[in-house]
Amino acid sequence: MKRTTVFAENTVLDALRAIARRRGITLAEVTREALTAHVSKHESGRKSLSIIGIGRSGRRDIAERAEELLSLFRPKHCRAFELLP
């Protein structure tokens, strides 16, 4: 671990000190945790929409067969779908 100097607004320092007091740890510990969390968030390499494409089926005819495929999952006892064109 290496010592460093950080410049911060008084309001941020006051908030960090309050967190440290409540948790019974030092200001340095709270600061290290905050820095670690910030770096981890930005190093993850994941984009906010990383789930796009996760459900690829490998089939290319899904869009053309959408109604047919959805009809397989419609409840037979549900009349609401009979009203659809």
PDB file of N, CA and C in Angstrom:
ATOM      1  N   MET A   1       0.846  -1.165   0.000  1.00  0.00           N
ATOM      2  CA  MET A   1       0.000   0.000   0.000  1.00  0.00           C
ATOM      3  C   MET A   1       0.897   1.234   0.000  1.00  0.00           C
ATOM      4  N   LYS A   2       0.458   2.251  -0.716  1.00  0.00           N
ATOM      5  CA  LYS A   2       1.246   3.469  -0.819  1.00  0.00           C
ATOM      6  C   LYS A   2       0.421   4.665  -0.382  1.00  0.00           C
ATOM      7  N   ARG A   3       1.045   5.574   0.308  1.00  0.00           N
ATOM      8  CA  ARG A   3       0.376   6.791   0.790  1.00  0.00           C
ATOM      9  C   ARG A   3       0.213   7.763  -0.373  1.00  0.00           C
ATOM     10  N   THR A   4      -0.936   8.449  -0.408  1.00  0.00           N
ATOM     11  CA  THR A   4      -1.181   9.456  -1.432  1.00  0.00           C
ATOM     12  C   THR A   4      -1.993  10.599  -0.839  1.00  0.00           C
ATOM     13  N   THR A   5      -2.068  11.684  -1.555  1.00  0.00           N
ATOM     14  CA  THR A   5      -2.855  12.833  -1.120  1.00  0.00           C
ATOM     15  C   THR A   5      -4.014  13.018  -2.089  1.00  0.00           C
ATOM     16  N   VAL A   6      -5.196  13.223  -1.551  1.00  0.00           N
ATOM     17  CA  VAL A   6      -6.400  13.426  -2.368  1.00  0.00           C
ATOM     18  C   VAL A   6      -7.042  14.736  -1.956  1.00  0.00           C
ATOM     19  N   PHE A   7      -7.365  15.551  -2.942  1.00  0.00           N
ATOM     20  CA  PHE A   7      -8.091  16.789  -2.678  1.00  0.00           C
ATOM     21  C   PHE A   7      -9.577  16.513  -2.899  1.00  0.00           C
ATOM     22  N   ALA A   8     -10.399  16.898  -1.931  1.00  0.00           N
ATOM     23  CA  ALA A   8     -11.837  16.661  -2.029  1.00  0.00           C
ATOM     24  C   ALA A   8     -12.589  17.847  -1.443  1.00  0.00           C
ATOM     25  N   GLU A   9     -13.805  18.028  -1.898  1.00  0.00           N
ATOM     26  CA  GLU A   9     -14.663  19.090  -1.360  1.00  0.00           C
ATOM     27  C   GLU A   9     -14.955  18.804   0.113  1.00  0.00           C
ATOM     28  N   ASN A  10     -15.167  19.847   0.879  1.00  0.00           N
ATOM     29  CA  ASN A  10     -15.469  19.692   2.305  1.00  0.00           C
ATOM     30  C   ASN A  10     -16.715  18.844   2.534  1.00  0.00           C
ATOM     31  N   THR A  11     -17.714  19.000   1.693  1.00  0.00           N
ATOM     32  CA  THR A  11     -18.947  18.216   1.872  1.00  0.00           C
ATOM     33  C   THR A  11     -18.688  16.720   1.698  1.00  0.00           C
ATOM     34  N   VAL A  12     -17.816  16.391   0.760  1.00  0.00           N
ATOM     35  CA  VAL A  12     -17.473  14.978   0.543  1.00  0.00           C
ATOM     36  C   VAL A  12     -16.690  14.449   1.732  1.00  0.00           C
ATOM     37  N   LEU A  13     -15.744  15.226   2.202  1.00  0.00           N
ATOM     38  CA  LEU A  13     -14.952  14.799   3.370  1.00  0.00           C
ATOM     39  C   LEU A  13     -15.826  14.645   4.606  1.00  0.00           C
ATOM     40  N   ASP A  14     -16.752  15.572   4.802  1.00  0.00           N
ATOM     41  CA  ASP A  14     -17.673  15.462   5.948  1.00  0.00           C
ATOM     42  C   ASP A  14     -18.503  14.188   5.850  1.00  0.00           C
ATOM     43  N   ALA A  15     -18.981  13.879   4.657  1.00  0.00           N
ATOM     44  CA  ALA A  15     -19.781  12.663   4.471  1.00  0.00           C
ATOM     45  C   ALA A  15     -18.941  11.417   4.729  1.00  0.00           C
ATOM     46  N   LEU A  16     -17.697  11.418   4.240  1.00  0.00           N
ATOM     47  CA  LEU A  16     -16.813  10.276   4.475  1.00  0.00           C
ATOM     48  C   LEU A  16     -16.516  10.102   5.965  1.00  0.00           C
ATOM     49  N   ARG A  17     -16.283  11.205   6.652  1.00  0.00           N
ATOM     50  CA  ARG A  17     -16.029  11.125   8.105  1.00  0.00           C
ATOM     51  C   ARG A  17     -17.240  10.585   8.849  1.00  0.00           C
ATOM     52  N   ALA A  18     -18.424  11.022   8.454  1.00  0.00           N
ATOM     53  CA  ALA A  18     -19.654  10.539   9.101  1.00  0.00           C
ATOM     54  C   ALA A  18     -19.820   9.034   8.876  1.00  0.00           C
ATOM     55  N   ILE A  19     -19.539   8.576   7.662  1.00  0.00           N
ATOM     56  CA  ILE A  19     -19.619   7.140   7.370  1.00  0.00           C
ATOM     57  C   ILE A  19     -18.621   6.373   8.231  1.00  0.00           C
ATOM     58  N   ALA A  20     -17.413   6.895   8.320  1.00  0.00           N
ATOM     59  CA  ALA A  20     -16.369   6.239   9.125  1.00  0.00           C
ATOM     60  C   ALA A  20     -16.782   6.153  10.594  1.00  0.00           C
ATOM     61  N   ARG A  21     -17.331   7.240  11.134  1.00  0.00           N
ATOM     62  CA  ARG A  21     -17.783   7.245  12.539  1.00  0.00           C
ATOM     63  C   ARG A  21     -18.878   6.202  12.759  1.00  0.00           C
ATOM     64  N   ARG A  22     -19.877   6.213  11.859  1.00  0.00           N
ATOM     65  CA  ARG A  22     -20.991   5.259  12.014  1.00  0.00           C
ATOM     66  C   ARG A  22     -20.510   3.817  11.973  1.00  0.00           C
ATOM     67  N   ARG A  23     -19.551   3.544  11.114  1.00  0.00           N
ATOM     68  CA  ARG A  23     -19.077   2.171  10.944  1.00  0.00           C
ATOM     69  C   ARG A  23     -17.939   1.808  11.879  1.00  0.00           C
ATOM     70  N   GLY A  24     -17.422   2.798  12.576  1.00  0.00           N
ATOM     71  CA  GLY A  24     -16.338   2.532  13.524  1.00  0.00           C
ATOM     72  C   GLY A  24     -15.020   2.186  12.837  1.00  0.00           C
ATOM     73  N   ILE A  25     -14.776   2.786  11.684  1.00  0.00           N
ATOM     74  CA  ILE A  25     -13.524   2.555  10.968  1.00  0.00           C
ATOM     75  C   ILE A  25     -12.885   3.911  10.660  1.00  0.00           C
ATOM     76  N   THR A  26     -11.686   3.881  10.135  1.00  0.00           N
ATOM     77  CA  THR A  26     -10.980   5.132   9.870  1.00  0.00           C
ATOM     78  C   THR A  26     -11.434   5.764   8.553  1.00  0.00           C
ATOM     79  N   LEU A  27     -11.145   7.053   8.455  1.00  0.00           N
ATOM     80  CA  LEU A  27     -11.427   7.777   7.217  1.00  0.00           C
ATOM     81  C   LEU A  27     -10.650   7.152   6.059  1.00  0.00           C
ATOM     82  N   ALA A  28      -9.441   6.728   6.330  1.00  0.00           N
ATOM     83  CA  ALA A  28      -8.613   6.099   5.294  1.00  0.00           C
ATOM     84  C   ALA A  28      -9.263   4.823   4.769  1.00  0.00           C
ATOM     85  N   GLU A  29      -9.855   4.021   5.674  1.00  0.00           N
ATOM     86  CA  GLU A  29     -10.521   2.788   5.244  1.00  0.00           C
ATOM     87  C   GLU A  29     -11.720   3.077   4.353  1.00  0.00           C
ATOM     88  N   VAL A  30     -12.524   4.055   4.760  1.00  0.00           N
ATOM     89  CA  VAL A  30     -13.696   4.428   3.957  1.00  0.00           C
ATOM     90  C   VAL A  30     -13.249   4.921   2.586  1.00  0.00           C
ATOM     91  N   THR A  31     -12.201   5.723   2.559  1.00  0.00           N
ATOM     92  CA  THR A  31     -11.687   6.255   1.299  1.00  0.00           C
ATOM     93  C   THR A  31     -11.173   5.125   0.411  1.00  0.00           C
ATOM     94  N   ARG A  32     -10.432   4.181   0.981  1.00  0.00           N
ATOM     95  CA  ARG A  32      -9.933   3.039   0.194  1.00  0.00           C
ATOM     96  C   ARG A  32     -11.082   2.224  -0.370  1.00  0.00           C
ATOM     97  N   GLU A  33     -12.124   1.980   0.447  1.00  0.00           N
ATOM     98  CA  GLU A  33     -13.279   1.222  -0.025  1.00  0.00           C
ATOM     99  C   GLU A  33     -13.967   1.941  -1.189  1.00  0.00           C
ATOM    100  N   ALA A  34     -14.122   3.256  -1.047  1.00  0.00           N
ATOM    101  CA  ALA A  34     -14.774   4.033  -2.094  1.00  0.00           C
ATOM    102  C   ALA A  34     -13.963   4.004  -3.389  1.00  0.00           C
ATOM    103  N   LEU A  35     -12.653   4.158  -3.258  1.00  0.00           N
ATOM    104  CA  LEU A  35     -11.790   4.116  -4.441  1.00  0.00           C
ATOM    105  C   LEU A  35     -11.813   2.740  -5.097  1.00  0.00           C
ATOM    106  N   THR A  36     -11.770   1.694  -4.291  1.00  0.00           N
ATOM    107  CA  THR A  36     -11.804   0.331  -4.817  1.00  0.00           C
ATOM    108  C   THR A  36     -13.114   0.065  -5.551  1.00  0.00           C
ATOM    109  N   ALA A  37     -14.220   0.492  -4.957  1.00  0.00           N
ATOM    110  CA  ALA A  37     -15.533   0.295  -5.591  1.00  0.00           C
ATOM    111  C   ALA A  37     -15.608   1.057  -6.911  1.00  0.00           C
ATOM    112  N   HIS A  38     -15.103   2.261  -6.932  1.00  0.00           N
ATOM    113  CA  HIS A  38     -15.134   3.075  -8.147  1.00  0.00           C
ATOM    114  C   HIS A  38     -14.297   2.437  -9.251  1.00  0.00           C
ATOM    115  N   VAL A  39     -13.101   1.996  -8.913  1.00  0.00           N
ATOM    116  CA  VAL A  39     -12.225   1.368  -9.904  1.00  0.00           C
ATOM    117  C   VAL A  39     -12.841   0.061 -10.408  1.00  0.00           C
ATOM    118  N   SER A  40     -13.383  -0.737  -9.517  1.00  0.00           N
ATOM    119  CA  SER A  40     -14.006  -2.005  -9.914  1.00  0.00           C
ATOM    120  C   SER A  40     -15.150  -1.774 -10.888  1.00  0.00           C
ATOM    121  N   LYS A  41     -15.933  -0.754 -10.619  1.00  0.00           N
ATOM    122  CA  LYS A  41     -17.069  -0.440 -11.485  1.00  0.00           C
ATOM    123  C   LYS A  41     -16.601  -0.104 -12.896  1.00  0.00           C
ATOM    124  N   HIS A  42     -15.509   0.605 -13.008  1.00  0.00           N
ATOM    125  CA  HIS A  42     -15.029   1.048 -14.311  1.00  0.00           C
ATOM    126  C   HIS A  42     -14.104   0.051 -14.990  1.00  0.00           C
ATOM    127  N   GLU A  43     -13.589  -0.907 -14.268  1.00  0.00           N
ATOM    128  CA  GLU A  43     -12.711  -1.914 -14.862  1.00  0.00           C
ATOM    129  C   GLU A  43     -13.453  -3.158 -15.309  1.00  0.00           C
ATOM    130  N   SER A  44     -14.720  -3.260 -14.995  1.00  0.00           N
ATOM    131  CA  SER A  44     -15.441  -4.485 -15.308  1.00  0.00           C
ATOM    132  C   SER A  44     -15.475  -4.758 -16.804  1.00  0.00           C
ATOM    133  N   GLY A  45     -15.364  -3.711 -17.634  1.00  0.00           N
ATOM    134  CA  GLY A  45     -15.356  -3.904 -19.074  1.00  0.00           C
ATOM    135  C   GLY A  45     -16.715  -4.205 -19.657  1.00  0.00           C
ATOM    136  N   ARG A  46     -17.700  -4.361 -18.825  1.00  0.00           N
ATOM    137  CA  ARG A  46     -19.052  -4.649 -19.315  1.00  0.00           C
ATOM    138  C   ARG A  46     -19.774  -3.362 -19.625  1.00  0.00           C
ATOM    139  N   LYS A  47     -20.491  -3.400 -20.701  1.00  0.00           N
ATOM    140  CA  LYS A  47     -21.317  -2.259 -21.051  1.00  0.00           C
ATOM    141  C   LYS A  47     -22.661  -2.422 -20.368  1.00  0.00           C
ATOM    142  N   SER A  48     -23.389  -1.337 -20.240  1.00  0.00           N
ATOM    143  CA  SER A  48     -24.649  -1.392 -19.517  1.00  0.00           C
ATOM    144  C   SER A  48     -25.676  -2.289 -20.204  1.00  0.00           C
ATOM    145  N   LEU A  49     -25.510  -2.554 -21.489  1.00  0.00           N
ATOM    146  CA  LEU A  49     -26.449  -3.412 -22.216  1.00  0.00           C
ATOM    147  C   LEU A  49     -25.790  -4.728 -22.606  1.00  0.00           C
ATOM    148  N   SER A  50     -25.034  -5.309 -21.717  1.00  0.00           N
ATOM    149  CA  SER A  50     -24.284  -6.518 -22.035  1.00  0.00           C
ATOM    150  C   SER A  50     -25.158  -7.748 -22.227  1.00  0.00           C
ATOM    151  N   ILE A  51     -26.452  -7.644 -21.952  1.00  0.00           N
ATOM    152  CA  ILE A  51     -27.325  -8.803 -22.117  1.00  0.00           C
ATOM    153  C   ILE A  51     -27.840  -8.940 -23.545  1.00  0.00           C
ATOM    154  N   ILE A  52     -27.572  -7.964 -24.400  1.00  0.00           N
ATOM    155  CA  ILE A  52     -28.044  -8.031 -25.780  1.00  0.00           C
ATOM    156  C   ILE A  52     -27.422  -9.236 -26.469  1.00  0.00           C
ATOM    157  N   GLY A  53     -28.255 -10.015 -27.109  1.00  0.00           N
ATOM    158  CA  GLY A  53     -27.782 -11.174 -27.842  1.00  0.00           C
ATOM    159  C   GLY A  53     -27.591 -12.412 -27.000  1.00  0.00           C
ATOM    160  N   ILE A  54     -27.900 -12.338 -25.730  1.00  0.00           N
ATOM    161  CA  ILE A  54     -27.655 -13.465 -24.837  1.00  0.00           C
ATOM    162  C   ILE A  54     -28.559 -14.667 -25.157  1.00  0.00           C
ATOM    163  N   GLY A  55     -29.712 -14.394 -25.742  1.00  0.00           N
ATOM    164  CA  GLY A  55     -30.651 -15.483 -26.026  1.00  0.00           C
ATOM    165  C   GLY A  55     -30.664 -15.935 -27.470  1.00  0.00           C
ATOM    166  N   ARG A  56     -29.563 -15.814 -28.168  1.00  0.00           N
ATOM    167  CA  ARG A  56     -29.519 -16.230 -29.562  1.00  0.00           C
ATOM    168  C   ARG A  56     -29.812 -17.711 -29.670  1.00  0.00           C
ATOM    169  N   SER A  57     -30.723 -18.027 -30.581  1.00  0.00           N
ATOM    170  CA  SER A  57     -31.110 -19.422 -30.756  1.00  0.00           C
ATOM    171  C   SER A  57     -30.321 -20.098 -31.866  1.00  0.00           C
ATOM    172  N   GLY A  58     -29.692 -19.297 -32.722  1.00  0.00           N
ATOM    173  CA  GLY A  58     -28.982 -19.881 -33.853  1.00  0.00           C
ATOM    174  C   GLY A  58     -29.887 -20.053 -35.066  1.00  0.00           C
ATOM    175  N   ARG A  59     -31.172 -19.762 -34.893  1.00  0.00           N
ATOM    176  CA  ARG A  59     -32.125 -19.877 -36.003  1.00  0.00           C
ATOM    177  C   ARG A  59     -32.309 -18.513 -36.643  1.00  0.00           C
ATOM    178  N   ARG A  60     -32.531 -18.505 -37.940  1.00  0.00           N
ATOM    179  CA  ARG A  60     -32.690 -17.249 -38.651  1.00  0.00           C
ATOM    180  C   ARG A  60     -34.136 -16.972 -39.040  1.00  0.00           C
ATOM    181  N   ASP A  61     -35.039 -17.897 -38.757  1.00  0.00           N
ATOM    182  CA  ASP A  61     -36.426 -17.715 -39.194  1.00  0.00           C
ATOM    183  C   ASP A  61     -37.368 -17.292 -38.066  1.00  0.00           C
ATOM    184  N   ILE A  62     -36.843 -16.891 -36.946  1.00  0.00           N
ATOM    185  CA  ILE A  62     -37.668 -16.548 -35.786  1.00  0.00           C
ATOM    186  C   ILE A  62     -38.616 -15.403 -36.105  1.00  0.00           C
ATOM    187  N   ALA A  63     -38.127 -14.333 -36.727  1.00  0.00           N
ATOM    188  CA  ALA A  63     -38.981 -13.180 -37.014  1.00  0.00           C
ATOM    189  C   ALA A  63     -40.124 -13.561 -37.948  1.00  0.00           C
ATOM    190  N   GLU A  64     -39.826 -14.355 -38.957  1.00  0.00           N
ATOM    191  CA  GLU A  64     -40.867 -14.752 -39.905  1.00  0.00           C
ATOM    192  C   GLU A  64     -41.903 -15.672 -39.264  1.00  0.00           C
ATOM    193  N   ARG A  65     -41.497 -16.459 -38.281  1.00  0.00           N
ATOM    194  CA  ARG A  65     -42.392 -17.437 -37.659  1.00  0.00           C
ATOM    195  C   ARG A  65     -42.892 -16.984 -36.293  1.00  0.00           C
ATOM    196  N   ALA A  66     -42.752 -15.697 -35.969  1.00  0.00           N
ATOM    197  CA  ALA A  66     -43.076 -15.212 -34.629  1.00  0.00           C
ATOM    198  C   ALA A  66     -44.484 -15.585 -34.198  1.00  0.00           C
ATOM    199  N   GLU A  67     -45.495 -15.302 -35.018  1.00  0.00           N
ATOM    200  CA  GLU A  67     -46.876 -15.612 -34.644  1.00  0.00           C
ATOM    201  C   GLU A  67     -47.085 -17.104 -34.435  1.00  0.00           C
ATOM    202  N   GLU A  68     -46.545 -17.896 -35.320  1.00  0.00           N
ATOM    203  CA  GLU A  68     -46.672 -19.359 -35.195  1.00  0.00           C
ATOM    204  C   GLU A  68     -46.043 -19.850 -33.896  1.00  0.00           C
ATOM    205  N   LEU A  69     -44.850 -19.353 -33.604  1.00  0.00           N
ATOM    206  CA  LEU A  69     -44.149 -19.786 -32.394  1.00  0.00           C
ATOM    207  C   LEU A  69     -44.839 -19.297 -31.133  1.00  0.00           C
ATOM    208  N   LEU A  70     -45.343 -18.060 -31.148  1.00  0.00           N
ATOM    209  CA  LEU A  70     -46.048 -17.540 -29.983  1.00  0.00           C
ATOM    210  C   LEU A  70     -47.349 -18.298 -29.731  1.00  0.00           C
ATOM    211  N   SER A  71     -47.985 -18.743 -30.799  1.00  0.00           N
ATOM    212  CA  SER A  71     -49.253 -19.470 -30.627  1.00  0.00           C
ATOM    213  C   SER A  71     -49.052 -20.774 -29.862  1.00  0.00           C
ATOM    214  N   LEU A  72     -47.861 -21.307 -29.889  1.00  0.00           N
ATOM    215  CA  LEU A  72     -47.567 -22.536 -29.156  1.00  0.00           C
ATOM    216  C   LEU A  72     -47.617 -22.311 -27.644  1.00  0.00           C
ATOM    217  N   PHE A  73     -47.444 -21.061 -27.214  1.00  0.00           N
ATOM    218  CA  PHE A  73     -47.410 -20.747 -25.797  1.00  0.00           C
ATOM    219  C   PHE A  73     -48.685 -20.095 -25.285  1.00  0.00           C
ATOM    220  N   ARG A  74     -49.641 -19.842 -26.158  1.00  0.00           N
ATOM    221  CA  ARG A  74     -50.898 -19.234 -25.728  1.00  0.00           C
ATOM    222  C   ARG A  74     -51.743 -20.282 -25.010  1.00  0.00           C
ATOM    223  N   PRO A  75     -52.287 -19.933 -23.880  1.00  0.00           N
ATOM    224  CA  PRO A  75     -53.139 -20.878 -23.158  1.00  0.00           C
ATOM    225  C   PRO A  75     -54.382 -21.211 -23.983  1.00  0.00           C
ATOM    226  N   LYS A  76     -54.703 -22.477 -24.072  1.00  0.00           N
ATOM    227  CA  LYS A  76     -55.864 -22.913 -24.867  1.00  0.00           C
ATOM    228  C   LYS A  76     -57.179 -22.468 -24.238  1.00  0.00           C
ATOM    229  N   HIS A  77     -57.201 -22.303 -22.926  1.00  0.00           N
ATOM    230  CA  HIS A  77     -58.430 -21.924 -22.235  1.00  0.00           C
ATOM    231  C   HIS A  77     -58.649 -20.412 -22.202  1.00  0.00           C
ATOM    232  N   CYS A  78     -57.686 -19.646 -22.704  1.00  0.00           N
ATOM    233  CA  CYS A  78     -57.786 -18.188 -22.652  1.00  0.00           C
ATOM    234  C   CYS A  78     -58.415 -17.663 -23.937  1.00  0.00           C
ATOM    235  N   ARG A  79     -59.580 -17.022 -23.817  1.00  0.00           N
ATOM    236  CA  ARG A  79     -60.291 -16.531 -24.993  1.00  0.00           C
ATOM    237  C   ARG A  79     -59.803 -15.151 -25.434  1.00  0.00           C
ATOM    238  N   ALA A  80     -59.001 -14.497 -24.633  1.00  0.00           N
ATOM    239  CA  ALA A  80     -58.544 -13.145 -24.969  1.00  0.00           C
ATOM    240  C   ALA A  80     -57.792 -13.134 -26.296  1.00  0.00           C
ATOM    241  N   PHE A  81     -57.060 -14.194 -26.587  1.00  0.00           N
ATOM    242  CA  PHE A  81     -56.291 -14.225 -27.818  1.00  0.00           C
ATOM    243  C   PHE A  81     -57.175 -14.423 -29.048  1.00  0.00           C
ATOM    244  N   GLU A  82     -58.386 -14.912 -28.870  1.00  0.00           N
ATOM    245  CA  GLU A  82     -59.280 -15.094 -30.002  1.00  0.00           C
ATOM    246  C   GLU A  82     -59.743 -13.761 -30.558  1.00  0.00           C
ATOM    247  N   LEU A  83     -59.676 -12.712 -29.771  1.00  0.00           N
ATOM    248  CA  LEU A  83     -60.101 -11.401 -30.211  1.00  0.00           C
ATOM    249  C   LEU A  83     -59.053 -10.692 -31.051  1.00  0.00           C
ATOM    250  N   LEU A  84     -57.824 -11.193 -31.033  1.00  0.00           N
ATOM    251  CA  LEU A  84     -56.759 -10.581 -31.802  1.00  0.00           C
ATOM    252  C   LEU A  84     -56.957 -10.882 -33.281  1.00  0.00           C
ATOM    253  N   PRO A  85     -56.613  -9.933 -34.161  1.00  0.00           N
ATOM    254  CA  PRO A  85     -56.767 -10.178 -35.607  1.00  0.00           C
ATOM    255  C   PRO A  85     -55.845 -11.272 -36.102  1.00  0.00           C
TER     256      PRO A  85
END
